[in-house]
Amino acid sequence: MWKKKILEIVKEFKHPAWGISHFNRIYDLSLELAKAQNFDVDADSLYAAAFLHDIGAFEPFIQKGKDHSDVAVEICDEILNSIEFPSEKIPLVKEIIKSHMFYAKLGESFESKIFHDADTLDFMGTIGITRILSIVGIDDWTPDLRSAIKLLERFSNDLPQSLITDKAQEIGKLRKKEMEEFLKNLANQTNHFESI
């Protein structure tokens, strides 16, 4: 019952790079990583975190000057209690949300590690390229196409190092190759990005 309620809360969160499609991918990939690593995880907490981890990036929850993860952690008690989510699992949901970004300090739980890896992987490969290019001109990260290309180069180089689990590192190698191939082809077709 609470899963339907959480979906009702986030159904309007549509964004080309983060939103309900991203939430679904992160949840599915978290479960895939847990299975591959033989981790016994709390699927309920992963589900709640998947659908709430970016809520601080959407109106009416955005708070200027605050990281969206911190905002999500602050408001998830109220949201989860209002939908009758098991209260004893809320601390784990908060830990997962707090440590989900590639630049965040990791939590101790298996759930935090795999969720962090899943979210990082969603910034890599073909899906990562698609997400970054989809926000050109509409997000501070990518005010223009050149900045998006620089961000893709940085993500291709830096994000594989932040992956924790063996399975995520394996997937990360493939996604890094996809990004490198894309960037190489784009450089060849644009005089090393001069004519982009």
N, C-alpha and C. Protein backbone atom coordinates (compact mmCIF):
# COMPACT_ATOMS: atom_id res chain seq x y z
N MET A 1 0.82 -1.20 0.00
CA MET A 1 0.00 0.00 0.00
C MET A 1 0.87 1.27 0.00
N TRP A 2 1.94 1.28 0.81
CA TRP A 2 2.79 2.47 0.87
C TRP A 2 3.51 2.71 -0.45
N LYS A 3 3.77 1.65 -1.21
CA LYS A 3 4.45 1.83 -2.50
C LYS A 3 3.57 2.63 -3.46
N LYS A 4 2.28 2.34 -3.47
CA LYS A 4 1.37 3.11 -4.32
C LYS A 4 1.34 4.58 -3.90
N LYS A 5 1.39 4.80 -2.60
CA LYS A 5 1.36 6.17 -2.08
C LYS A 5 2.63 6.94 -2.44
N ILE A 6 3.76 6.26 -2.38
CA ILE A 6 5.02 6.94 -2.73
C ILE A 6 5.04 7.27 -4.22
N LEU A 7 4.51 6.38 -5.04
CA LEU A 7 4.43 6.65 -6.48
C LEU A 7 3.49 7.82 -6.77
N GLU A 8 2.45 7.94 -5.99
CA GLU A 8 1.51 9.06 -6.15
C GLU A 8 2.22 10.38 -5.82
N ILE A 9 3.08 10.38 -4.83
CA ILE A 9 3.81 11.59 -4.43
C ILE A 9 4.78 12.04 -5.53
N VAL A 10 5.44 11.09 -6.16
CA VAL A 10 6.50 11.45 -7.12
C VAL A 10 6.07 11.42 -8.58
N LYS A 11 4.82 11.08 -8.86
CA LYS A 11 4.40 10.90 -10.26
C LYS A 11 4.57 12.15 -11.12
N GLU A 12 4.55 13.32 -10.51
CA GLU A 12 4.70 14.57 -11.26
C GLU A 12 6.15 14.98 -11.45
N PHE A 13 7.08 14.25 -10.87
CA PHE A 13 8.49 14.60 -10.96
C PHE A 13 9.05 14.14 -12.30
N LYS A 14 8.83 14.98 -13.30
CA LYS A 14 9.30 14.66 -14.64
C LYS A 14 10.46 15.59 -14.96
N HIS A 15 11.53 15.01 -15.39
CA HIS A 15 12.75 15.75 -15.71
C HIS A 15 13.52 14.88 -16.69
N PRO A 16 14.22 15.48 -17.65
CA PRO A 16 14.93 14.65 -18.62
C PRO A 16 16.08 13.82 -18.04
N ALA A 17 16.64 14.25 -16.92
CA ALA A 17 17.79 13.52 -16.37
C ALA A 17 17.52 12.86 -15.03
N TRP A 18 16.67 13.44 -14.22
CA TRP A 18 16.30 12.78 -12.96
C TRP A 18 14.80 12.94 -12.82
N GLY A 19 14.21 11.97 -12.27
CA GLY A 19 12.76 11.88 -12.19
C GLY A 19 12.37 10.42 -12.14
N ILE A 20 11.13 10.13 -12.43
CA ILE A 20 10.60 8.78 -12.20
C ILE A 20 11.32 7.69 -13.00
N SER A 21 11.74 7.98 -14.22
CA SER A 21 12.49 6.96 -15.00
C SER A 21 13.82 6.65 -14.33
N HIS A 22 14.50 7.70 -13.88
CA HIS A 22 15.76 7.54 -13.14
C HIS A 22 15.52 6.74 -11.86
N PHE A 23 14.45 7.06 -11.14
CA PHE A 23 14.15 6.35 -9.89
C PHE A 23 13.99 4.85 -10.15
N ASN A 24 13.24 4.51 -11.20
CA ASN A 24 13.04 3.10 -11.53
C ASN A 24 14.35 2.40 -11.90
N ARG A 25 15.17 3.09 -12.71
CA ARG A 25 16.46 2.47 -13.11
C ARG A 25 17.35 2.23 -11.90
N ILE A 26 17.39 3.19 -10.98
CA ILE A 26 18.26 3.05 -9.81
C ILE A 26 17.79 1.90 -8.91
N TYR A 27 16.50 1.79 -8.73
CA TYR A 27 15.97 0.69 -7.92
C TYR A 27 16.32 -0.66 -8.55
N ASP A 28 16.03 -0.80 -9.85
CA ASP A 28 16.31 -2.07 -10.53
C ASP A 28 17.80 -2.41 -10.52
N LEU A 29 18.64 -1.42 -10.77
CA LEU A 29 20.08 -1.67 -10.79
C LEU A 29 20.61 -1.98 -9.39
N SER A 30 20.04 -1.36 -8.37
CA SER A 30 20.44 -1.68 -6.99
C SER A 30 20.17 -3.14 -6.68
N LEU A 31 19.00 -3.62 -7.07
CA LEU A 31 18.67 -5.03 -6.84
C LEU A 31 19.59 -5.95 -7.64
N GLU A 32 19.89 -5.55 -8.88
CA GLU A 32 20.81 -6.34 -9.71
C GLU A 32 22.20 -6.43 -9.06
N LEU A 33 22.69 -5.31 -8.56
CA LEU A 33 24.01 -5.30 -7.90
C LEU A 33 23.99 -6.13 -6.63
N ALA A 34 22.92 -6.02 -5.85
CA ALA A 34 22.81 -6.79 -4.61
C ALA A 34 22.85 -8.29 -4.91
N LYS A 35 22.10 -8.69 -5.92
CA LYS A 35 22.07 -10.11 -6.29
C LYS A 35 23.45 -10.58 -6.76
N ALA A 36 24.10 -9.79 -7.59
CA ALA A 36 25.42 -10.16 -8.11
C ALA A 36 26.46 -10.25 -7.01
N GLN A 37 26.30 -9.41 -5.98
CA GLN A 37 27.26 -9.39 -4.87
C GLN A 37 26.86 -10.34 -3.74
N ASN A 38 25.72 -11.01 -3.88
CA ASN A 38 25.20 -11.88 -2.82
C ASN A 38 24.92 -11.12 -1.53
N PHE A 39 24.49 -9.88 -1.66
CA PHE A 39 24.14 -9.06 -0.50
C PHE A 39 22.68 -9.30 -0.13
N ASP A 40 22.44 -9.51 1.15
CA ASP A 40 21.08 -9.59 1.66
C ASP A 40 20.67 -8.16 2.00
N VAL A 41 19.76 -7.59 1.22
CA VAL A 41 19.41 -6.18 1.39
C VAL A 41 17.93 -6.01 1.68
N ASP A 42 17.60 -4.85 2.20
CA ASP A 42 16.22 -4.49 2.49
C ASP A 42 15.64 -3.80 1.25
N ALA A 43 14.87 -4.55 0.48
CA ALA A 43 14.31 -4.03 -0.76
C ALA A 43 13.34 -2.88 -0.51
N ASP A 44 12.63 -2.91 0.62
CA ASP A 44 11.71 -1.81 0.94
C ASP A 44 12.46 -0.49 1.11
N SER A 45 13.55 -0.54 1.84
CA SER A 45 14.34 0.69 2.06
C SER A 45 14.96 1.19 0.76
N LEU A 46 15.41 0.25 -0.07
CA LEU A 46 15.95 0.65 -1.37
C LEU A 46 14.88 1.29 -2.24
N TYR A 47 13.69 0.74 -2.20
CA TYR A 47 12.59 1.28 -3.00
C TYR A 47 12.24 2.69 -2.54
N ALA A 48 12.07 2.87 -1.24
CA ALA A 48 11.74 4.19 -0.71
C ALA A 48 12.84 5.19 -1.04
N ALA A 49 14.09 4.79 -0.89
CA ALA A 49 15.20 5.69 -1.21
C ALA A 49 15.24 6.02 -2.70
N ALA A 50 14.97 5.02 -3.53
CA ALA A 50 15.01 5.24 -4.98
C ALA A 50 14.02 6.32 -5.40
N PHE A 51 12.85 6.31 -4.80
CA PHE A 51 11.82 7.24 -5.22
C PHE A 51 11.84 8.56 -4.46
N LEU A 52 12.68 8.66 -3.43
CA LEU A 52 12.77 9.92 -2.67
C LEU A 52 14.15 10.58 -2.72
N HIS A 53 15.17 9.90 -3.23
CA HIS A 53 16.53 10.42 -3.09
C HIS A 53 16.76 11.75 -3.78
N ASP A 54 16.03 12.04 -4.84
CA ASP A 54 16.20 13.31 -5.56
C ASP A 54 15.06 14.29 -5.32
N ILE A 55 14.21 14.01 -4.37
CA ILE A 55 13.02 14.83 -4.16
C ILE A 55 13.39 16.29 -3.85
N GLY A 56 14.55 16.48 -3.25
CA GLY A 56 15.00 17.84 -2.93
C GLY A 56 15.38 18.65 -4.15
N ALA A 57 15.38 18.05 -5.33
CA ALA A 57 15.67 18.75 -6.57
C ALA A 57 14.40 19.21 -7.29
N PHE A 58 13.25 18.96 -6.67
CA PHE A 58 11.97 19.29 -7.28
C PHE A 58 11.17 20.26 -6.41
N GLU A 59 10.40 21.12 -7.08
CA GLU A 59 9.45 21.97 -6.35
C GLU A 59 8.35 21.07 -5.80
N PRO A 60 7.84 21.33 -4.63
CA PRO A 60 8.07 22.50 -3.79
C PRO A 60 9.17 22.30 -2.74
N PHE A 61 10.04 21.31 -2.97
CA PHE A 61 11.00 20.92 -1.94
C PHE A 61 12.37 21.59 -2.07
N ILE A 62 12.68 22.14 -3.22
CA ILE A 62 14.00 22.77 -3.44
C ILE A 62 14.26 23.83 -2.36
N GLN A 63 15.49 23.80 -1.82
CA GLN A 63 15.92 24.82 -0.86
C GLN A 63 17.24 25.38 -1.37
N LYS A 64 17.21 26.61 -1.81
CA LYS A 64 18.42 27.25 -2.36
C LYS A 64 19.58 27.16 -1.38
N GLY A 65 20.75 26.81 -1.91
CA GLY A 65 21.95 26.73 -1.08
C GLY A 65 22.11 25.41 -0.34
N LYS A 66 21.15 24.50 -0.48
CA LYS A 66 21.24 23.20 0.18
C LYS A 66 21.31 22.10 -0.86
N ASP A 67 22.17 21.12 -0.61
CA ASP A 67 22.25 19.96 -1.49
C ASP A 67 20.91 19.22 -1.46
N HIS A 68 20.49 18.76 -2.62
CA HIS A 68 19.19 18.08 -2.72
C HIS A 68 19.12 16.84 -1.83
N SER A 69 20.27 16.18 -1.60
CA SER A 69 20.30 15.00 -0.73
C SER A 69 19.96 15.37 0.70
N ASP A 70 20.53 16.49 1.17
CA ASP A 70 20.26 16.93 2.54
C ASP A 70 18.79 17.28 2.71
N VAL A 71 18.21 17.92 1.72
CA VAL A 71 16.80 18.27 1.78
C VAL A 71 15.94 17.00 1.83
N ALA A 72 16.27 16.03 0.98
CA ALA A 72 15.52 14.77 0.96
C ALA A 72 15.59 14.06 2.30
N VAL A 73 16.77 14.04 2.92
CA VAL A 73 16.92 13.41 4.23
C VAL A 73 16.05 14.12 5.26
N GLU A 74 16.02 15.46 5.20
CA GLU A 74 15.25 16.24 6.17
C GLU A 74 13.75 15.99 6.07
N ILE A 75 13.25 15.80 4.86
CA ILE A 75 11.79 15.69 4.70
C ILE A 75 11.28 14.26 4.60
N CYS A 76 12.17 13.29 4.51
CA CYS A 76 11.68 11.93 4.28
C CYS A 76 10.96 11.34 5.50
N ASP A 77 11.30 11.75 6.71
CA ASP A 77 10.55 11.27 7.89
C ASP A 77 9.06 11.55 7.74
N GLU A 78 8.77 12.81 7.46
CA GLU A 78 7.37 13.22 7.34
C GLU A 78 6.66 12.47 6.22
N ILE A 79 7.32 12.37 5.07
CA ILE A 79 6.72 11.68 3.93
C ILE A 79 6.49 10.21 4.24
N LEU A 80 7.52 9.55 4.74
CA LEU A 80 7.42 8.10 4.98
C LEU A 80 6.42 7.78 6.09
N ASN A 81 6.39 8.60 7.13
CA ASN A 81 5.40 8.38 8.18
C ASN A 81 3.98 8.59 7.67
N SER A 82 3.81 9.54 6.76
CA SER A 82 2.47 9.85 6.24
C SER A 82 1.92 8.74 5.35
N ILE A 83 2.80 7.89 4.82
CA ILE A 83 2.33 6.79 3.95
C ILE A 83 2.43 5.43 4.63
N GLU A 84 2.67 5.46 5.94
CA GLU A 84 2.72 4.25 6.76
C GLU A 84 3.84 3.30 6.37
N PHE A 85 4.96 3.88 5.97
CA PHE A 85 6.18 3.10 5.74
C PHE A 85 6.67 2.62 7.10
N PRO A 86 7.23 1.41 7.19
CA PRO A 86 7.71 0.91 8.49
C PRO A 86 8.74 1.86 9.12
N SER A 87 8.40 2.41 10.26
CA SER A 87 9.22 3.47 10.88
C SER A 87 10.62 2.99 11.25
N GLU A 88 10.76 1.70 11.55
CA GLU A 88 12.08 1.18 11.93
C GLU A 88 13.05 1.16 10.75
N LYS A 89 12.54 1.30 9.53
CA LYS A 89 13.39 1.30 8.34
C LYS A 89 13.79 2.71 7.88
N ILE A 90 13.20 3.72 8.47
CA ILE A 90 13.46 5.09 8.03
C ILE A 90 14.94 5.48 8.19
N PRO A 91 15.60 5.13 9.29
CA PRO A 91 17.03 5.49 9.38
C PRO A 91 17.87 4.93 8.22
N LEU A 92 17.57 3.72 7.77
CA LEU A 92 18.31 3.14 6.64
C LEU A 92 18.00 3.91 5.36
N VAL A 93 16.76 4.27 5.14
CA VAL A 93 16.39 5.06 3.96
C VAL A 93 17.19 6.37 3.96
N LYS A 94 17.27 7.01 5.11
CA LYS A 94 18.01 8.27 5.22
C LYS A 94 19.50 8.07 4.92
N GLU A 95 20.07 7.00 5.43
CA GLU A 95 21.48 6.72 5.16
C GLU A 95 21.72 6.51 3.67
N ILE A 96 20.83 5.77 3.02
CA ILE A 96 20.96 5.52 1.58
C ILE A 96 20.90 6.83 0.81
N ILE A 97 19.91 7.65 1.13
CA ILE A 97 19.74 8.93 0.44
C ILE A 97 20.96 9.83 0.66
N LYS A 98 21.42 9.92 1.88
CA LYS A 98 22.54 10.81 2.23
C LYS A 98 23.80 10.47 1.45
N SER A 99 24.00 9.19 1.16
CA SER A 99 25.26 8.78 0.52
C SER A 99 25.11 8.39 -0.94
N HIS A 100 24.00 8.81 -1.59
CA HIS A 100 23.76 8.31 -2.94
C HIS A 100 24.63 8.94 -4.02
N MET A 101 25.02 10.20 -3.87
CA MET A 101 25.76 10.87 -4.95
C MET A 101 27.22 10.38 -5.03
N PHE A 102 27.77 10.46 -6.22
CA PHE A 102 29.15 9.99 -6.44
C PHE A 102 30.16 10.74 -5.58
N TYR A 103 29.83 11.95 -5.16
CA TYR A 103 30.76 12.75 -4.34
C TYR A 103 30.48 12.62 -2.84
N ALA A 104 29.47 11.86 -2.46
CA ALA A 104 29.06 11.76 -1.06
C ALA A 104 29.90 10.76 -0.28
N LYS A 105 29.94 10.99 1.04
CA LYS A 105 30.57 10.03 1.94
C LYS A 105 29.65 8.81 2.06
N LEU A 106 30.22 7.64 1.92
CA LEU A 106 29.42 6.40 1.92
C LEU A 106 28.92 6.04 3.31
N GLY A 107 27.70 5.48 3.33
CA GLY A 107 27.18 4.90 4.55
C GLY A 107 27.79 3.52 4.77
N GLU A 108 27.47 2.92 5.91
CA GLU A 108 28.05 1.62 6.27
C GLU A 108 27.30 0.43 5.67
N SER A 109 26.03 0.60 5.38
CA SER A 109 25.20 -0.53 4.97
C SER A 109 25.49 -0.98 3.54
N PHE A 110 25.17 -2.25 3.27
CA PHE A 110 25.25 -2.77 1.90
C PHE A 110 24.33 -1.96 0.99
N GLU A 111 23.15 -1.61 1.52
CA GLU A 111 22.19 -0.85 0.74
C GLU A 111 22.77 0.47 0.27
N SER A 112 23.47 1.16 1.14
CA SER A 112 24.09 2.45 0.77
C SER A 112 25.13 2.27 -0.32
N LYS A 113 25.91 1.23 -0.21
CA LYS A 113 26.98 0.99 -1.18
C LYS A 113 26.43 0.67 -2.56
N ILE A 114 25.45 -0.22 -2.63
CA ILE A 114 24.94 -0.59 -3.95
C ILE A 114 24.11 0.54 -4.56
N PHE A 115 23.41 1.29 -3.72
CA PHE A 115 22.61 2.40 -4.23
C PHE A 115 23.52 3.50 -4.76
N HIS A 116 24.59 3.77 -4.04
CA HIS A 116 25.61 4.74 -4.48
C HIS A 116 26.17 4.31 -5.84
N ASP A 117 26.49 3.02 -5.96
CA ASP A 117 27.02 2.50 -7.22
C ASP A 117 25.99 2.62 -8.35
N ALA A 118 24.73 2.28 -8.05
CA ALA A 118 23.68 2.34 -9.08
C ALA A 118 23.49 3.78 -9.56
N ASP A 119 23.46 4.72 -8.63
CA ASP A 119 23.28 6.13 -9.02
C ASP A 119 24.47 6.63 -9.82
N THR A 120 25.67 6.23 -9.43
CA THR A 120 26.87 6.63 -10.17
C THR A 120 26.85 6.04 -11.58
N LEU A 121 26.49 4.78 -11.70
CA LEU A 121 26.44 4.13 -13.01
C LEU A 121 25.43 4.80 -13.94
N ASP A 122 24.41 5.40 -13.36
CA ASP A 122 23.40 6.06 -14.19
C ASP A 122 23.92 7.39 -14.77
N PHE A 123 25.09 7.82 -14.33
CA PHE A 123 25.78 8.97 -14.93
C PHE A 123 26.81 8.52 -15.97
N MET A 124 26.88 7.22 -16.22
CA MET A 124 27.90 6.67 -17.11
C MET A 124 27.26 5.98 -18.31
N GLY A 125 28.09 5.70 -19.31
CA GLY A 125 27.64 4.97 -20.49
C GLY A 125 26.65 5.75 -21.32
N THR A 126 25.93 5.03 -22.15
CA THR A 126 24.96 5.65 -23.05
C THR A 126 23.87 6.39 -22.28
N ILE A 127 23.41 5.80 -21.18
CA ILE A 127 22.37 6.48 -20.39
C ILE A 127 22.93 7.75 -19.76
N GLY A 128 24.15 7.71 -19.29
CA GLY A 128 24.78 8.90 -18.71
C GLY A 128 24.93 10.01 -19.73
N ILE A 129 25.37 9.66 -20.93
CA ILE A 129 25.51 10.64 -22.02
C ILE A 129 24.14 11.25 -22.33
N THR A 130 23.14 10.40 -22.45
CA THR A 130 21.80 10.87 -22.75
C THR A 130 21.29 11.83 -21.68
N ARG A 131 21.50 11.47 -20.43
CA ARG A 131 21.03 12.32 -19.33
C ARG A 131 21.71 13.68 -19.35
N ILE A 132 23.04 13.68 -19.52
CA ILE A 132 23.77 14.95 -19.50
C ILE A 132 23.38 15.82 -20.69
N LEU A 133 23.28 15.24 -21.87
CA LEU A 133 22.91 16.04 -23.04
C LEU A 133 21.47 16.54 -22.95
N SER A 134 20.63 15.83 -22.22
CA SER A 134 19.23 16.23 -22.11
C SER A 134 19.04 17.49 -21.25
N ILE A 135 20.05 17.85 -20.48
CA ILE A 135 19.89 19.01 -19.59
C ILE A 135 20.70 20.23 -20.04
N VAL A 136 21.25 20.17 -21.25
CA VAL A 136 22.00 21.32 -21.78
C VAL A 136 21.08 22.53 -21.84
N GLY A 137 21.53 23.60 -21.22
CA GLY A 137 20.76 24.84 -21.24
C GLY A 137 19.66 24.93 -20.21
N ILE A 138 19.41 23.84 -19.48
CA ILE A 138 18.35 23.90 -18.46
C ILE A 138 18.86 23.58 -17.06
N ASP A 139 20.15 23.35 -16.93
CA ASP A 139 20.70 23.01 -15.62
C ASP A 139 22.05 23.70 -15.45
N ASP A 140 22.38 24.05 -14.21
CA ASP A 140 23.66 24.72 -13.91
C ASP A 140 24.86 23.89 -14.32
N TRP A 141 24.72 22.57 -14.27
CA TRP A 141 25.83 21.69 -14.64
C TRP A 141 26.22 21.88 -16.09
N THR A 142 25.24 22.16 -16.94
CA THR A 142 25.47 22.18 -18.38
C THR A 142 24.79 23.38 -19.03
N PRO A 143 25.33 24.57 -18.84
CA PRO A 143 24.71 25.75 -19.44
C PRO A 143 24.77 25.73 -20.97
N ASP A 144 25.75 25.00 -21.52
CA ASP A 144 25.88 24.91 -22.98
C ASP A 144 26.50 23.56 -23.34
N LEU A 145 26.56 23.30 -24.65
CA LEU A 145 27.03 22.00 -25.12
C LEU A 145 28.51 21.76 -24.77
N ARG A 146 29.33 22.78 -24.85
CA ARG A 146 30.76 22.61 -24.50
C ARG A 146 30.93 22.17 -23.04
N SER A 147 30.16 22.78 -22.16
CA SER A 147 30.26 22.40 -20.74
C SER A 147 29.76 20.97 -20.53
N ALA A 148 28.76 20.56 -21.31
CA ALA A 148 28.27 19.19 -21.22
C ALA A 148 29.35 18.20 -21.64
N ILE A 149 30.07 18.52 -22.72
CA ILE A 149 31.15 17.64 -23.19
C ILE A 149 32.26 17.55 -22.14
N LYS A 150 32.61 18.67 -21.54
CA LYS A 150 33.63 18.66 -20.48
C LYS A 150 33.17 17.81 -19.30
N LEU A 151 31.89 17.91 -18.96
CA LEU A 151 31.36 17.11 -17.86
C LEU A 151 31.40 15.62 -18.21
N LEU A 152 31.05 15.28 -19.43
CA LEU A 152 31.13 13.87 -19.86
C LEU A 152 32.57 13.35 -19.80
N GLU A 153 33.52 14.18 -20.21
CA GLU A 153 34.94 13.79 -20.13
C GLU A 153 35.33 13.55 -18.67
N ARG A 154 34.90 14.46 -17.81
CA ARG A 154 35.24 14.33 -16.39
C ARG A 154 34.59 13.09 -15.79
N PHE A 155 33.31 12.87 -16.09
CA PHE A 155 32.63 11.69 -15.56
C PHE A 155 33.27 10.41 -16.07
N SER A 156 33.64 10.37 -17.33
CA SER A 156 34.29 9.19 -17.89
C SER A 156 35.59 8.87 -17.17
N ASN A 157 36.33 9.90 -16.81
CA ASN A 157 37.61 9.72 -16.11
C ASN A 157 37.45 9.44 -14.62
N ASP A 158 36.54 10.17 -13.96
CA ASP A 158 36.49 10.16 -12.50
C ASP A 158 35.51 9.15 -11.89
N LEU A 159 34.36 8.96 -12.51
CA LEU A 159 33.33 8.16 -11.86
C LEU A 159 33.69 6.69 -11.65
N PRO A 160 34.42 6.06 -12.58
CA PRO A 160 34.76 4.65 -12.32
C PRO A 160 35.51 4.45 -11.00
N GLN A 161 36.27 5.44 -10.59
CA GLN A 161 37.04 5.33 -9.34
C GLN A 161 36.16 5.38 -8.10
N SER A 162 34.93 5.89 -8.23
CA SER A 162 34.07 5.99 -7.06
C SER A 162 33.15 4.77 -6.90
N LEU A 163 33.24 3.81 -7.82
CA LEU A 163 32.42 2.60 -7.73
C LEU A 163 33.01 1.65 -6.69
N ILE A 164 32.15 1.08 -5.87
CA ILE A 164 32.58 0.28 -4.72
C ILE A 164 32.56 -1.22 -5.00
N THR A 165 31.42 -1.72 -5.46
CA THR A 165 31.26 -3.18 -5.58
C THR A 165 31.92 -3.71 -6.85
N ASP A 166 32.29 -4.97 -6.80
CA ASP A 166 32.94 -5.61 -7.96
C ASP A 166 32.05 -5.56 -9.19
N LYS A 167 30.76 -5.87 -9.01
CA LYS A 167 29.84 -5.89 -10.15
C LYS A 167 29.70 -4.49 -10.75
N ALA A 168 29.60 -3.47 -9.91
CA ALA A 168 29.50 -2.10 -10.42
C ALA A 168 30.77 -1.71 -11.17
N GLN A 169 31.92 -2.12 -10.68
CA GLN A 169 33.19 -1.82 -11.37
C GLN A 169 33.23 -2.50 -12.74
N GLU A 170 32.70 -3.71 -12.80
CA GLU A 170 32.63 -4.44 -14.07
C GLU A 170 31.73 -3.70 -15.07
N ILE A 171 30.55 -3.30 -14.62
CA ILE A 171 29.63 -2.54 -15.46
C ILE A 171 30.24 -1.19 -15.82
N GLY A 172 30.91 -0.58 -14.85
CA GLY A 172 31.53 0.72 -15.06
C GLY A 172 32.58 0.70 -16.16
N LYS A 173 33.33 -0.39 -16.29
CA LYS A 173 34.33 -0.50 -17.36
C LYS A 173 33.67 -0.45 -18.73
N LEU A 174 32.55 -1.16 -18.85
CA LEU A 174 31.82 -1.16 -20.13
C LEU A 174 31.25 0.23 -20.43
N ARG A 175 30.70 0.85 -19.41
CA ARG A 175 30.09 2.17 -19.62
C ARG A 175 31.15 3.24 -19.88
N LYS A 176 32.30 3.09 -19.28
CA LYS A 176 33.40 4.03 -19.56
C LYS A 176 33.81 3.92 -21.03
N LYS A 177 33.89 2.69 -21.54
CA LYS A 177 34.24 2.49 -22.96
C LYS A 177 33.20 3.13 -23.87
N GLU A 178 31.93 3.01 -23.52
CA GLU A 178 30.88 3.65 -24.31
C GLU A 178 31.08 5.16 -24.36
N MET A 179 31.43 5.73 -23.22
CA MET A 179 31.63 7.18 -23.15
C MET A 179 32.87 7.59 -23.94
N GLU A 180 33.94 6.83 -23.80
CA GLU A 180 35.17 7.15 -24.53
C GLU A 180 34.95 7.07 -26.04
N GLU A 181 34.22 6.06 -26.48
CA GLU A 181 33.94 5.90 -27.90
C GLU A 181 33.10 7.07 -28.42
N PHE A 182 32.09 7.44 -27.67
CA PHE A 182 31.25 8.58 -28.04
C PHE A 182 32.09 9.85 -28.14
N LEU A 183 32.90 10.12 -27.14
CA LEU A 183 33.71 11.34 -27.11
C LEU A 183 34.74 11.34 -28.23
N LYS A 184 35.32 10.18 -28.51
CA LYS A 184 36.29 10.08 -29.61
C LYS A 184 35.61 10.39 -30.95
N ASN A 185 34.45 9.78 -31.19
CA ASN A 185 33.73 10.03 -32.43
C ASN A 185 33.29 11.49 -32.55
N LEU A 186 32.83 12.04 -31.46
CA LEU A 186 32.40 13.43 -31.48
C LEU A 186 33.58 14.36 -31.74
N ALA A 187 34.72 14.08 -31.13
CA ALA A 187 35.92 14.89 -31.37
C ALA A 187 36.32 14.82 -32.84
N ASN A 188 36.27 13.62 -33.42
CA ASN A 188 36.63 13.45 -34.83
C ASN A 188 35.70 14.22 -35.76
N GLN A 189 34.45 14.32 -35.38
CA GLN A 189 33.45 14.94 -36.25
C GLN A 189 33.31 16.45 -36.01
N THR A 190 34.02 16.97 -35.01
CA THR A 190 33.86 18.40 -34.68
C THR A 190 35.20 19.11 -34.54
N ASN A 191 36.25 18.59 -35.23
CA ASN A 191 37.56 19.21 -35.13
C ASN A 191 37.97 19.39 -33.66
N HIS A 192 37.95 18.29 -32.94
CA HIS A 192 38.29 18.27 -31.51
C HIS A 192 37.42 19.24 -30.71
N PHE A 193 36.11 19.19 -30.98
CA PHE A 193 35.08 19.99 -30.31
C PHE A 193 35.11 21.47 -30.65
N GLU A 194 35.95 21.86 -31.61
CA GLU A 194 36.02 23.28 -32.00
C GLU A 194 34.76 23.73 -32.72
N SER A 195 34.16 22.83 -33.48
CA SER A 195 32.99 23.23 -34.25
C SER A 195 31.69 22.65 -33.66
N ILE A 196 31.65 22.61 -32.36
CA ILE A 196 30.45 22.08 -31.72
C ILE A 196 29.52 23.21 -31.33
